[in-house]
Amino acid sequence: MTKTYEKPVLLAQEELAEGVYMGSGTVAEGGGNSGNGPKCDSKYMKGVWQAPDYSDWAGTTRGYKQQFACLGCPANTGNGCGLQTHYVDSGNASSYDVDNGNRMPSWERKGYGPDDPVKDWAM
């Protein structure tokens, strides 16, 4: 069986109450854009993207969340959460399902807490 790509068709439905603005950018409880699609699996990030903090911090103790934030998460795009951008732009592609249960920063996957002092730099 051969699968072929079919370009999505955009249809305007004037009588619908929800528009693109209302349907984008919101984060359902637990992350993601809705209860139907992929979601953030991090119990610490909760669907809110955060950039790593690489500022000079000599002499201070940082936790993993502040230092590495979303680094290592499959949905991290470097400047945002792919669940809120790329997933939507893809037309909610089912290929995003391969990361189910794994969408969390690498430090969390390794078992570190958000405020644990950074000792493992291999993220």
PDB file of N, CA and C in Angstrom:
ATOM      1  N   MET A   1       0.849  -1.174   0.000  1.00  0.00           N
ATOM      2  CA  MET A   1       0.000   0.000   0.000  1.00  0.00           C
ATOM      3  C   MET A   1       0.894   1.236   0.000  1.00  0.00           C
ATOM      4  N   THR A   2       0.689   2.105  -0.936  1.00  0.00           N
ATOM      5  CA  THR A   2       1.477   3.322  -1.052  1.00  0.00           C
ATOM      6  C   THR A   2       0.685   4.494  -0.501  1.00  0.00           C
ATOM      7  N   LYS A   3       1.347   5.249   0.367  1.00  0.00           N
ATOM      8  CA  LYS A   3       0.713   6.444   0.919  1.00  0.00           C
ATOM      9  C   LYS A   3       1.186   7.642   0.120  1.00  0.00           C
ATOM     10  N   THR A   4       0.282   8.508  -0.234  1.00  0.00           N
ATOM     11  CA  THR A   4       0.649   9.718  -0.964  1.00  0.00           C
ATOM     12  C   THR A   4       0.259  10.929  -0.135  1.00  0.00           C
ATOM     13  N   TYR A   5       1.038  11.973  -0.315  1.00  0.00           N
ATOM     14  CA  TYR A   5       0.779  13.221   0.399  1.00  0.00           C
ATOM     15  C   TYR A   5      -0.399  13.936  -0.241  1.00  0.00           C
ATOM     16  N   GLU A   6      -1.305  14.395   0.582  1.00  0.00           N
ATOM     17  CA  GLU A   6      -2.408  15.211   0.098  1.00  0.00           C
ATOM     18  C   GLU A   6      -2.321  16.561   0.778  1.00  0.00           C
ATOM     19  N   LYS A   7      -2.183  17.599  -0.019  1.00  0.00           N
ATOM     20  CA  LYS A   7      -2.071  18.949   0.515  1.00  0.00           C
ATOM     21  C   LYS A   7      -3.375  19.317   1.219  1.00  0.00           C
ATOM     22  N   PRO A   8      -3.277  19.854   2.448  1.00  0.00           N
ATOM     23  CA  PRO A   8      -4.500  20.245   3.163  1.00  0.00           C
ATOM     24  C   PRO A   8      -5.205  21.399   2.460  1.00  0.00           C
ATOM     25  N   VAL A   9      -6.489  21.441   2.611  1.00  0.00           N
ATOM     26  CA  VAL A   9      -7.301  22.494   2.017  1.00  0.00           C
ATOM     27  C   VAL A   9      -7.840  23.364   3.140  1.00  0.00           C
ATOM     28  N   LEU A  10      -7.713  24.664   2.981  1.00  0.00           N
ATOM     29  CA  LEU A  10      -8.221  25.601   3.976  1.00  0.00           C
ATOM     30  C   LEU A  10      -9.571  26.117   3.511  1.00  0.00           C
ATOM     31  N   LEU A  11     -10.580  25.967   4.351  1.00  0.00           N
ATOM     32  CA  LEU A  11     -11.923  26.430   4.027  1.00  0.00           C
ATOM     33  C   LEU A  11     -12.357  27.492   5.016  1.00  0.00           C
ATOM     34  N   ALA A  12     -12.921  28.572   4.515  1.00  0.00           N
ATOM     35  CA  ALA A  12     -13.445  29.629   5.390  1.00  0.00           C
ATOM     36  C   ALA A  12     -14.894  29.285   5.736  1.00  0.00           C
ATOM     37  N   GLN A  13     -15.204  29.314   7.024  1.00  0.00           N
ATOM     38  CA  GLN A  13     -16.553  29.020   7.489  1.00  0.00           C
ATOM     39  C   GLN A  13     -17.039  30.217   8.302  1.00  0.00           C
ATOM     40  N   GLU A  14     -17.705  31.125   7.665  1.00  0.00           N
ATOM     41  CA  GLU A  14     -18.121  32.377   8.301  1.00  0.00           C
ATOM     42  C   GLU A  14     -19.017  32.154   9.518  1.00  0.00           C
ATOM     43  N   GLU A  15     -19.809  31.088   9.511  1.00  0.00           N
ATOM     44  CA  GLU A  15     -20.762  30.882  10.598  1.00  0.00           C
ATOM     45  C   GLU A  15     -20.142  30.268  11.856  1.00  0.00           C
ATOM     46  N   LEU A  16     -18.858  29.914  11.819  1.00  0.00           N
ATOM     47  CA  LEU A  16     -18.209  29.357  13.001  1.00  0.00           C
ATOM     48  C   LEU A  16     -17.778  30.464  13.952  1.00  0.00           C
ATOM     49  N   ALA A  17     -17.861  30.190  15.243  1.00  0.00           N
ATOM     50  CA  ALA A  17     -17.519  31.189  16.252  1.00  0.00           C
ATOM     51  C   ALA A  17     -16.027  31.236  16.546  1.00  0.00           C
ATOM     52  N   GLU A  18     -15.308  30.140  16.362  1.00  0.00           N
ATOM     53  CA  GLU A  18     -13.890  30.115  16.699  1.00  0.00           C
ATOM     54  C   GLU A  18     -13.054  30.432  15.476  1.00  0.00           C
ATOM     55  N   GLY A  19     -12.119  31.345  15.640  1.00  0.00           N
ATOM     56  CA  GLY A  19     -11.214  31.706  14.563  1.00  0.00           C
ATOM     57  C   GLY A  19      -9.813  31.237  14.870  1.00  0.00           C
ATOM     58  N   VAL A  20      -8.882  31.571  14.003  1.00  0.00           N
ATOM     59  CA  VAL A  20      -7.493  31.172  14.186  1.00  0.00           C
ATOM     60  C   VAL A  20      -6.932  31.763  15.468  1.00  0.00           C
ATOM     61  N   TYR A  21      -7.207  33.012  15.756  1.00  0.00           N
ATOM     62  CA  TYR A  21      -6.681  33.658  16.957  1.00  0.00           C
ATOM     63  C   TYR A  21      -7.139  32.929  18.210  1.00  0.00           C
ATOM     64  N   MET A  22      -8.403  32.563  18.280  1.00  0.00           N
ATOM     65  CA  MET A  22      -8.923  31.901  19.469  1.00  0.00           C
ATOM     66  C   MET A  22      -8.367  30.494  19.633  1.00  0.00           C
ATOM     67  N   GLY A  23      -8.032  29.844  18.528  1.00  0.00           N
ATOM     68  CA  GLY A  23      -7.596  28.473  18.596  1.00  0.00           C
ATOM     69  C   GLY A  23      -6.098  28.311  18.744  1.00  0.00           C
ATOM     70  N   SER A  24      -5.350  29.394  18.740  1.00  0.00           N
ATOM     71  CA  SER A  24      -3.897  29.253  18.801  1.00  0.00           C
ATOM     72  C   SER A  24      -3.336  29.907  20.047  1.00  0.00           C
ATOM     73  N   GLY A  25      -2.209  29.387  20.496  1.00  0.00           N
ATOM     74  CA  GLY A  25      -1.489  30.015  21.585  1.00  0.00           C
ATOM     75  C   GLY A  25      -1.976  29.699  22.982  1.00  0.00           C
ATOM     76  N   THR A  26      -3.093  29.050  23.104  1.00  0.00           N
ATOM     77  CA  THR A  26      -3.569  28.728  24.443  1.00  0.00           C
ATOM     78  C   THR A  26      -2.948  27.424  24.898  1.00  0.00           C
ATOM     79  N   VAL A  27      -2.801  27.265  26.181  1.00  0.00           N
ATOM     80  CA  VAL A  27      -2.204  26.049  26.709  1.00  0.00           C
ATOM     81  C   VAL A  27      -3.201  25.384  27.630  1.00  0.00           C
ATOM     82  N   ALA A  28      -3.587  24.172  27.261  1.00  0.00           N
ATOM     83  CA  ALA A  28      -4.501  23.412  28.096  1.00  0.00           C
ATOM     84  C   ALA A  28      -3.766  22.928  29.328  1.00  0.00           C
ATOM     85  N   GLU A  29      -4.503  22.566  30.340  1.00  0.00           N
ATOM     86  CA  GLU A  29      -3.875  22.037  31.550  1.00  0.00           C
ATOM     87  C   GLU A  29      -3.006  20.847  31.191  1.00  0.00           C
ATOM     88  N   GLY A  30      -1.766  20.857  31.651  1.00  0.00           N
ATOM     89  CA  GLY A  30      -0.838  19.796  31.314  1.00  0.00           C
ATOM     90  C   GLY A  30      -0.032  20.099  30.062  1.00  0.00           C
ATOM     91  N   GLY A  31      -0.308  21.243  29.423  1.00  0.00           N
ATOM     92  CA  GLY A  31       0.468  21.646  28.253  1.00  0.00           C
ATOM     93  C   GLY A  31      -0.220  21.276  26.960  1.00  0.00           C
ATOM     94  N   GLY A  32       0.418  21.637  25.881  1.00  0.00           N
ATOM     95  CA  GLY A  32      -0.147  21.399  24.565  1.00  0.00           C
ATOM     96  C   GLY A  32      -1.172  22.449  24.232  1.00  0.00           C
ATOM     97  N   ASN A  33      -1.747  22.352  23.051  1.00  0.00           N
ATOM     98  CA  ASN A  33      -2.701  23.354  22.592  1.00  0.00           C
ATOM     99  C   ASN A  33      -4.140  22.952  22.824  1.00  0.00           C
ATOM    100  N   SER A  34      -4.390  21.686  23.034  1.00  0.00           N
ATOM    101  CA  SER A  34      -5.756  21.250  23.280  1.00  0.00           C
ATOM    102  C   SER A  34      -5.707  19.921  24.018  1.00  0.00           C
ATOM    103  N   GLY A  35      -6.847  19.458  24.422  1.00  0.00           N
ATOM    104  CA  GLY A  35      -6.893  18.175  25.081  1.00  0.00           C
ATOM    105  C   GLY A  35      -6.812  17.013  24.102  1.00  0.00           C
ATOM    106  N   ASN A  36      -6.859  17.298  22.786  1.00  0.00           N
ATOM    107  CA  ASN A  36      -6.912  16.237  21.786  1.00  0.00           C
ATOM    108  C   ASN A  36      -5.567  15.894  21.164  1.00  0.00           C
ATOM    109  N   GLY A  37      -4.616  16.805  21.183  1.00  0.00           N
ATOM    110  CA  GLY A  37      -3.345  16.572  20.518  1.00  0.00           C
ATOM    111  C   GLY A  37      -2.239  16.263  21.499  1.00  0.00           C
ATOM    112  N   PRO A  38      -0.994  16.261  20.996  1.00  0.00           N
ATOM    113  CA  PRO A  38       0.143  16.015  21.871  1.00  0.00           C
ATOM    114  C   PRO A  38       0.226  17.054  22.975  1.00  0.00           C
ATOM    115  N   LYS A  39       0.816  16.666  24.089  1.00  0.00           N
ATOM    116  CA  LYS A  39       0.905  17.592  25.217  1.00  0.00           C
ATOM    117  C   LYS A  39       2.303  17.555  25.809  1.00  0.00           C
ATOM    118  N   CYS A  40       2.598  18.538  26.607  1.00  0.00           N
ATOM    119  CA  CYS A  40       3.842  18.576  27.361  1.00  0.00           C
ATOM    120  C   CYS A  40       3.744  17.517  28.458  1.00  0.00           C
ATOM    121  N   ASP A  41       4.780  16.676  28.563  1.00  0.00           N
ATOM    122  CA  ASP A  41       4.781  15.624  29.573  1.00  0.00           C
ATOM    123  C   ASP A  41       5.545  16.019  30.833  1.00  0.00           C
ATOM    124  N   SER A  42       6.078  17.248  30.863  1.00  0.00           N
ATOM    125  CA  SER A  42       6.854  17.703  32.009  1.00  0.00           C
ATOM    126  C   SER A  42       5.940  18.143  33.147  1.00  0.00           C
ATOM    127  N   LYS A  43       6.195  17.583  34.322  1.00  0.00           N
ATOM    128  CA  LYS A  43       5.400  18.018  35.479  1.00  0.00           C
ATOM    129  C   LYS A  43       5.916  19.340  36.029  1.00  0.00           C
ATOM    130  N   TYR A  44       7.072  19.803  35.546  1.00  0.00           N
ATOM    131  CA  TYR A  44       7.642  21.059  36.018  1.00  0.00           C
ATOM    132  C   TYR A  44       7.438  22.209  35.031  1.00  0.00           C
ATOM    133  N   MET A  45       7.529  21.941  33.733  1.00  0.00           N
ATOM    134  CA  MET A  45       7.388  23.005  32.736  1.00  0.00           C
ATOM    135  C   MET A  45       5.912  23.274  32.431  1.00  0.00           C
ATOM    136  N   LYS A  46       5.080  22.256  32.520  1.00  0.00           N
ATOM    137  CA  LYS A  46       3.622  22.371  32.371  1.00  0.00           C
ATOM    138  C   LYS A  46       3.197  23.103  31.102  1.00  0.00           C
ATOM    139  N   GLY A  47       3.886  22.826  30.002  1.00  0.00           N
ATOM    140  CA  GLY A  47       3.488  23.411  28.723  1.00  0.00           C
ATOM    141  C   GLY A  47       3.957  24.831  28.495  1.00  0.00           C
ATOM    142  N   VAL A  48       4.746  25.377  29.426  1.00  0.00           N
ATOM    143  CA  VAL A  48       5.246  26.746  29.274  1.00  0.00           C
ATOM    144  C   VAL A  48       6.713  26.681  28.888  1.00  0.00           C
ATOM    145  N   TRP A  49       7.031  27.110  27.655  1.00  0.00           N
ATOM    146  CA  TRP A  49       8.403  27.056  27.167  1.00  0.00           C
ATOM    147  C   TRP A  49       9.274  28.069  27.898  1.00  0.00           C
ATOM    148  N   GLN A  50      10.497  27.674  28.189  1.00  0.00           N
ATOM    149  CA  GLN A  50      11.469  28.547  28.853  1.00  0.00           C
ATOM    150  C   GLN A  50      12.832  28.294  28.222  1.00  0.00           C
ATOM    151  N   ALA A  51      13.575  29.364  27.971  1.00  0.00           N
ATOM    152  CA  ALA A  51      14.928  29.259  27.417  1.00  0.00           C
ATOM    153  C   ALA A  51      15.925  28.977  28.533  1.00  0.00           C
ATOM    154  N   PRO A  52      17.009  28.261  28.222  1.00  0.00           N
ATOM    155  CA  PRO A  52      18.077  28.062  29.211  1.00  0.00           C
ATOM    156  C   PRO A  52      18.689  29.411  29.600  1.00  0.00           C
ATOM    157  N   ASP A  53      19.202  29.503  30.805  1.00  0.00           N
ATOM    158  CA  ASP A  53      19.834  30.736  31.290  1.00  0.00           C
ATOM    159  C   ASP A  53      21.340  30.527  31.306  1.00  0.00           C
ATOM    160  N   TYR A  54      22.017  31.077  30.308  1.00  0.00           N
ATOM    161  CA  TYR A  54      23.460  30.921  30.191  1.00  0.00           C
ATOM    162  C   TYR A  54      24.219  32.137  30.712  1.00  0.00           C
ATOM    163  N   SER A  55      23.551  32.993  31.437  1.00  0.00           N
ATOM    164  CA  SER A  55      24.223  34.191  31.949  1.00  0.00           C
ATOM    165  C   SER A  55      25.312  33.804  32.958  1.00  0.00           C
ATOM    166  N   ASP A  56      26.220  34.720  33.203  1.00  0.00           N
ATOM    167  CA  ASP A  56      27.319  34.489  34.145  1.00  0.00           C
ATOM    168  C   ASP A  56      26.737  34.310  35.548  1.00  0.00           C
ATOM    169  N   TRP A  57      27.095  33.240  36.195  1.00  0.00           N
ATOM    170  CA  TRP A  57      26.521  32.966  37.521  1.00  0.00           C
ATOM    171  C   TRP A  57      27.558  32.452  38.501  1.00  0.00           C
ATOM    172  N   ALA A  58      28.777  32.863  38.333  1.00  0.00           N
ATOM    173  CA  ALA A  58      29.862  32.417  39.220  1.00  0.00           C
ATOM    174  C   ALA A  58      29.492  32.653  40.686  1.00  0.00           C
ATOM    175  N   GLY A  59      29.674  31.629  41.473  1.00  0.00           N
ATOM    176  CA  GLY A  59      29.444  31.765  42.909  1.00  0.00           C
ATOM    177  C   GLY A  59      28.014  31.538  43.350  1.00  0.00           C
ATOM    178  N   THR A  60      27.092  31.322  42.416  1.00  0.00           N
ATOM    179  CA  THR A  60      25.702  31.079  42.807  1.00  0.00           C
ATOM    180  C   THR A  60      25.341  29.636  42.491  1.00  0.00           C
ATOM    181  N   THR A  61      24.336  29.142  43.131  1.00  0.00           N
ATOM    182  CA  THR A  61      23.856  27.794  42.884  1.00  0.00           C
ATOM    183  C   THR A  61      22.543  27.893  42.138  1.00  0.00           C
ATOM    184  N   ARG A  62      22.509  27.252  40.999  1.00  0.00           N
ATOM    185  CA  ARG A  62      21.294  27.248  40.185  1.00  0.00           C
ATOM    186  C   ARG A  62      20.692  25.857  40.165  1.00  0.00           C
ATOM    187  N   GLY A  63      19.384  25.847  39.972  1.00  0.00           N
ATOM    188  CA  GLY A  63      18.695  24.589  39.774  1.00  0.00           C
ATOM    189  C   GLY A  63      18.648  24.241  38.301  1.00  0.00           C
ATOM    190  N   TYR A  64      18.277  23.003  38.016  1.00  0.00           N
ATOM    191  CA  TYR A  64      18.236  22.519  36.635  1.00  0.00           C
ATOM    192  C   TYR A  64      17.240  23.298  35.778  1.00  0.00           C
ATOM    193  N   LYS A  65      16.088  23.643  36.326  1.00  0.00           N
ATOM    194  CA  LYS A  65      15.087  24.359  35.527  1.00  0.00           C
ATOM    195  C   LYS A  65      15.613  25.720  35.085  1.00  0.00           C
ATOM    196  N   GLN A  66      16.239  26.462  35.972  1.00  0.00           N
ATOM    197  CA  GLN A  66      16.750  27.774  35.602  1.00  0.00           C
ATOM    198  C   GLN A  66      17.892  27.652  34.606  1.00  0.00           C
ATOM    199  N   GLN A  67      18.806  26.725  34.837  1.00  0.00           N
ATOM    200  CA  GLN A  67      19.985  26.600  33.984  1.00  0.00           C
ATOM    201  C   GLN A  67      19.647  26.036  32.599  1.00  0.00           C
ATOM    202  N   PHE A  68      18.873  24.947  32.553  1.00  0.00           N
ATOM    203  CA  PHE A  68      18.653  24.243  31.293  1.00  0.00           C
ATOM    204  C   PHE A  68      17.248  24.397  30.717  1.00  0.00           C
ATOM    205  N   ALA A  69      16.273  24.754  31.534  1.00  0.00           N
ATOM    206  CA  ALA A  69      14.892  24.959  31.098  1.00  0.00           C
ATOM    207  C   ALA A  69      14.403  23.804  30.223  1.00  0.00           C
ATOM    208  N   CYS A  70      14.000  24.066  28.992  1.00  0.00           N
ATOM    209  CA  CYS A  70      13.409  23.059  28.106  1.00  0.00           C
ATOM    210  C   CYS A  70      14.430  22.297  27.268  1.00  0.00           C
ATOM    211  N   LEU A  71      15.704  22.499  27.514  1.00  0.00           N
ATOM    212  CA  LEU A  71      16.750  21.836  26.744  1.00  0.00           C
ATOM    213  C   LEU A  71      16.603  20.320  26.818  1.00  0.00           C
ATOM    214  N   GLY A  72      16.660  19.663  25.688  1.00  0.00           N
ATOM    215  CA  GLY A  72      16.551  18.213  25.638  1.00  0.00           C
ATOM    216  C   GLY A  72      15.140  17.699  25.385  1.00  0.00           C
ATOM    217  N   CYS A  73      14.164  18.581  25.423  1.00  0.00           N
ATOM    218  CA  CYS A  73      12.796  18.169  25.123  1.00  0.00           C
ATOM    219  C   CYS A  73      12.649  18.044  23.604  1.00  0.00           C
ATOM    220  N   PRO A  74      12.020  16.970  23.109  1.00  0.00           N
ATOM    221  CA  PRO A  74      11.845  16.817  21.671  1.00  0.00           C
ATOM    222  C   PRO A  74      11.023  17.949  21.033  1.00  0.00           C
ATOM    223  N   ALA A  75      10.207  18.632  21.812  1.00  0.00           N
ATOM    224  CA  ALA A  75       9.384  19.718  21.269  1.00  0.00           C
ATOM    225  C   ALA A  75      10.100  21.073  21.315  1.00  0.00           C
ATOM    226  N   ASN A  76      11.270  21.141  21.945  1.00  0.00           N
ATOM    227  CA  ASN A  76      12.014  22.398  22.044  1.00  0.00           C
ATOM    228  C   ASN A  76      12.549  22.786  20.664  1.00  0.00           C
ATOM    229  N   THR A  77      12.254  23.993  20.224  1.00  0.00           N
ATOM    230  CA  THR A  77      12.731  24.457  18.917  1.00  0.00           C
ATOM    231  C   THR A  77      13.869  25.454  19.051  1.00  0.00           C
ATOM    232  N   GLY A  78      14.270  25.770  20.258  1.00  0.00           N
ATOM    233  CA  GLY A  78      15.333  26.746  20.474  1.00  0.00           C
ATOM    234  C   GLY A  78      14.788  28.141  20.738  1.00  0.00           C
ATOM    235  N   ASN A  79      13.592  28.430  20.266  1.00  0.00           N
ATOM    236  CA  ASN A  79      12.986  29.729  20.545  1.00  0.00           C
ATOM    237  C   ASN A  79      11.501  29.615  20.886  1.00  0.00           C
ATOM    238  N   GLY A  80      11.067  28.414  21.213  1.00  0.00           N
ATOM    239  CA  GLY A  80       9.682  28.212  21.595  1.00  0.00           C
ATOM    240  C   GLY A  80       9.356  26.730  21.665  1.00  0.00           C
ATOM    241  N   CYS A  81       8.128  26.450  21.980  1.00  0.00           N
ATOM    242  CA  CYS A  81       7.659  25.068  22.054  1.00  0.00           C
ATOM    243  C   CYS A  81       7.045  24.680  20.718  1.00  0.00           C
ATOM    244  N   GLY A  82       7.573  23.622  20.126  1.00  0.00           N
ATOM    245  CA  GLY A  82       7.066  23.151  18.844  1.00  0.00           C
ATOM    246  C   GLY A  82       5.618  22.714  18.884  1.00  0.00           C
ATOM    247  N   LEU A  83       5.107  22.363  20.062  1.00  0.00           N
ATOM    248  CA  LEU A  83       3.694  21.987  20.164  1.00  0.00           C
ATOM    249  C   LEU A  83       2.784  23.182  19.905  1.00  0.00           C
ATOM    250  N   GLN A  84       3.291  24.372  20.151  1.00  0.00           N
ATOM    251  CA  GLN A  84       2.487  25.574  19.961  1.00  0.00           C
ATOM    252  C   GLN A  84       2.776  26.239  18.618  1.00  0.00           C
ATOM    253  N   THR A  85       3.780  25.761  17.886  1.00  0.00           N
ATOM    254  CA  THR A  85       4.117  26.367  16.594  1.00  0.00           C
ATOM    255  C   THR A  85       4.157  25.302  15.502  1.00  0.00           C
ATOM    256  N   HIS A  86       5.184  24.486  15.479  1.00  0.00           N
ATOM    257  CA  HIS A  86       5.386  23.524  14.402  1.00  0.00           C
ATOM    258  C   HIS A  86       4.242  22.510  14.294  1.00  0.00           C
ATOM    259  N   TYR A  87       3.748  22.045  15.423  1.00  0.00           N
ATOM    260  CA  TYR A  87       2.653  21.073  15.400  1.00  0.00           C
ATOM    261  C   TYR A  87       1.424  21.674  14.733  1.00  0.00           C
ATOM    262  N   VAL A  88       1.098  22.887  15.085  1.00  0.00           N
ATOM    263  CA  VAL A  88      -0.048  23.564  14.486  1.00  0.00           C
ATOM    264  C   VAL A  88       0.212  23.818  13.001  1.00  0.00           C
ATOM    265  N   ASP A  89       1.425  24.304  12.666  1.00  0.00           N
ATOM    266  CA  ASP A  89       1.775  24.572  11.269  1.00  0.00           C
ATOM    267  C   ASP A  89       1.751  23.306  10.419  1.00  0.00           C
ATOM    268  N   SER A  90       1.998  22.151  11.029  1.00  0.00           N
ATOM    269  CA  SER A  90       2.014  20.882  10.289  1.00  0.00           C
ATOM    270  C   SER A  90       0.607  20.373   9.993  1.00  0.00           C
ATOM    271  N   GLY A  91      -0.385  21.073  10.496  1.00  0.00           N
ATOM    272  CA  GLY A  91      -1.757  20.591  10.341  1.00  0.00           C
ATOM    273  C   GLY A  91      -2.058  19.478  11.326  1.00  0.00           C
ATOM    274  N   ASN A  92      -1.397  19.553  12.509  1.00  0.00           N
ATOM    275  CA  ASN A  92      -1.577  18.559  13.569  1.00  0.00           C
ATOM    276  C   ASN A  92      -1.155  17.162  13.112  1.00  0.00           C
ATOM    277  N   ALA A  93       0.022  17.087  12.507  1.00  0.00           N
ATOM    278  CA  ALA A  93       0.542  15.834  11.955  1.00  0.00           C
ATOM    279  C   ALA A  93       0.647  14.748  13.014  1.00  0.00           C
ATOM    280  N   SER A  94       0.252  13.547  12.656  1.00  0.00           N
ATOM    281  CA  SER A  94       0.296  12.423  13.587  1.00  0.00           C
ATOM    282  C   SER A  94       1.726  11.990  13.892  1.00  0.00           C
ATOM    283  N   SER A  95       2.703  12.470  13.115  1.00  0.00           N
ATOM    284  CA  SER A  95       4.105  12.116  13.376  1.00  0.00           C
ATOM    285  C   SER A  95       4.571  12.631  14.735  1.00  0.00           C
ATOM    286  N   TYR A  96       3.876  13.610  15.307  1.00  0.00           N
ATOM    287  CA  TYR A  96       4.234  14.121  16.631  1.00  0.00           C
ATOM    288  C   TYR A  96       3.926  13.110  17.738  1.00  0.00           C
ATOM    289  N   ASP A  97       3.133  12.099  17.438  1.00  0.00           N
ATOM    290  CA  ASP A  97       2.768  11.105  18.445  1.00  0.00           C
ATOM    291  C   ASP A  97       3.947  10.236  18.879  1.00  0.00           C
ATOM    292  N   VAL A  98       5.028  10.169  18.084  1.00  0.00           N
ATOM    293  CA  VAL A  98       6.165   9.321  18.447  1.00  0.00           C
ATOM    294  C   VAL A  98       6.835   9.775  19.736  1.00  0.00           C
ATOM    295  N   ASP A  99       6.642  11.048  20.110  1.00  0.00           N
ATOM    296  CA  ASP A  99       7.259  11.579  21.326  1.00  0.00           C
ATOM    297  C   ASP A  99       6.345  11.512  22.541  1.00  0.00           C
ATOM    298  N   ASN A 100       5.184  10.914  22.416  1.00  0.00           N
ATOM    299  CA  ASN A 100       4.247  10.846  23.545  1.00  0.00           C
ATOM    300  C   ASN A 100       4.927  10.250  24.772  1.00  0.00           C
ATOM    301  N   GLY A 101       4.775  10.906  25.907  1.00  0.00           N
ATOM    302  CA  GLY A 101       5.352  10.458  27.165  1.00  0.00           C
ATOM    303  C   GLY A 101       6.803  10.863  27.361  1.00  0.00           C
ATOM    304  N   ASN A 102       7.391  11.497  26.348  1.00  0.00           N
ATOM    305  CA  ASN A 102       8.813  11.844  26.390  1.00  0.00           C
ATOM    306  C   ASN A 102       9.054  13.348  26.250  1.00  0.00           C
ATOM    307  N   ARG A 103       8.000  14.144  26.186  1.00  0.00           N
ATOM    308  CA  ARG A 103       8.154  15.589  25.995  1.00  0.00           C
ATOM    309  C   ARG A 103       8.409  16.280  27.331  1.00  0.00           C
ATOM    310  N   MET A 104       9.690  16.252  27.697  1.00  0.00           N
ATOM    311  CA  MET A 104      10.139  16.895  28.934  1.00  0.00           C
ATOM    312  C   MET A 104      11.619  17.198  28.762  1.00  0.00           C
ATOM    313  N   PRO A 105      12.146  18.133  29.553  1.00  0.00           N
ATOM    314  CA  PRO A 105      13.581  18.431  29.467  1.00  0.00           C
ATOM    315  C   PRO A 105      14.416  17.214  29.847  1.00  0.00           C
ATOM    316  N   SER A 106      15.632  17.147  29.315  1.00  0.00           N
ATOM    317  CA  SER A 106      16.501  15.996  29.595  1.00  0.00           C
ATOM    318  C   SER A 106      16.813  15.868  31.082  1.00  0.00           C
ATOM    319  N   TRP A 107      16.940  16.987  31.796  1.00  0.00           N
ATOM    320  CA  TRP A 107      17.232  16.912  33.238  1.00  0.00           C
ATOM    321  C   TRP A 107      16.090  16.240  33.987  1.00  0.00           C
ATOM    322  N   GLU A 108      14.865  16.494  33.580  1.00  0.00           N
ATOM    323  CA  GLU A 108      13.714  15.863  34.240  1.00  0.00           C
ATOM    324  C   GLU A 108      13.666  14.382  33.890  1.00  0.00           C
ATOM    325  N   ARG A 109      13.961  14.032  32.625  1.00  0.00           N
ATOM    326  CA  ARG A 109      13.985  12.635  32.202  1.00  0.00           C
ATOM    327  C   ARG A 109      15.043  11.858  32.976  1.00  0.00           C
ATOM    328  N   LYS A 110      16.137  12.537  33.364  1.00  0.00           N
ATOM    329  CA  LYS A 110      17.204  11.889  34.137  1.00  0.00           C
ATOM    330  C   LYS A 110      16.863  11.788  35.621  1.00  0.00           C
ATOM    331  N   GLY A 111      15.757  12.393  36.045  1.00  0.00           N
ATOM    332  CA  GLY A 111      15.319  12.270  37.430  1.00  0.00           C
ATOM    333  C   GLY A 111      15.667  13.435  38.333  1.00  0.00           C
ATOM    334  N   TYR A 112      16.198  14.524  37.777  1.00  0.00           N
ATOM    335  CA  TYR A 112      16.534  15.687  38.600  1.00  0.00           C
ATOM    336  C   TYR A 112      15.304  16.563  38.805  1.00  0.00           C
ATOM    337  N   GLY A 113      15.240  17.232  39.944  1.00  0.00           N
ATOM    338  CA  GLY A 113      14.174  18.172  40.227  1.00  0.00           C
ATOM    339  C   GLY A 113      14.549  19.565  39.737  1.00  0.00           C
ATOM    340  N   PRO A 114      13.582  20.458  39.620  1.00  0.00           N
ATOM    341  CA  PRO A 114      13.842  21.787  39.074  1.00  0.00           C
ATOM    342  C   PRO A 114      14.791  22.627  39.920  1.00  0.00           C
ATOM    343  N   ASP A 115      14.800  22.411  41.223  1.00  0.00           N
ATOM    344  CA  ASP A 115      15.642  23.216  42.109  1.00  0.00           C
ATOM    345  C   ASP A 115      16.875  22.470  42.609  1.00  0.00           C
ATOM    346  N   ASP A 116      17.085  21.230  42.146  1.00  0.00           N
ATOM    347  CA  ASP A 116      18.300  20.499  42.510  1.00  0.00           C
ATOM    348  C   ASP A 116      19.512  21.255  41.969  1.00  0.00           C
ATOM    349  N   PRO A 117      20.546  21.434  42.764  1.00  0.00           N
ATOM    350  CA  PRO A 117      21.761  22.135  42.272  1.00  0.00           C
ATOM    351  C   PRO A 117      22.373  21.376  41.117  1.00  0.00           C
ATOM    352  N   VAL A 118      22.752  22.110  40.069  1.00  0.00           N
ATOM    353  CA  VAL A 118      23.315  21.490  38.863  1.00  0.00           C
ATOM    354  C   VAL A 118      24.664  20.846  39.156  1.00  0.00           C
ATOM    355  N   LYS A 119      24.742  19.556  38.892  1.00  0.00           N
ATOM    356  CA  LYS A 119      25.990  18.804  39.013  1.00  0.00           C
ATOM    357  C   LYS A 119      26.268  18.035  37.732  1.00  0.00           C
ATOM    358  N   ASP A 120      25.215  17.721  36.990  1.00  0.00           N
ATOM    359  CA  ASP A 120      25.315  16.987  35.734  1.00  0.00           C
ATOM    360  C   ASP A 120      25.137  17.990  34.594  1.00  0.00           C
ATOM    361  N   TRP A 121      26.214  18.223  33.839  1.00  0.00           N
ATOM    362  CA  TRP A 121      26.172  19.226  32.767  1.00  0.00           C
ATOM    363  C   TRP A 121      25.912  18.609  31.412  1.00  0.00           C
ATOM    364  N   ALA A 122      25.711  17.321  31.341  1.00  0.00           N
ATOM    365  CA  ALA A 122      25.474  16.633  30.069  1.00  0.00           C
ATOM    366  C   ALA A 122      23.977  16.626  29.752  1.00  0.00           C
ATOM    367  N   MET A 123      23.492  17.727  29.273  1.00  0.00           N
ATOM    368  CA  MET A 123      22.084  17.837  28.918  1.00  0.00           C
ATOM    369  C   MET A 123      21.942  17.929  27.407  1.00  0.00           C
TER     370      MET A 123
END
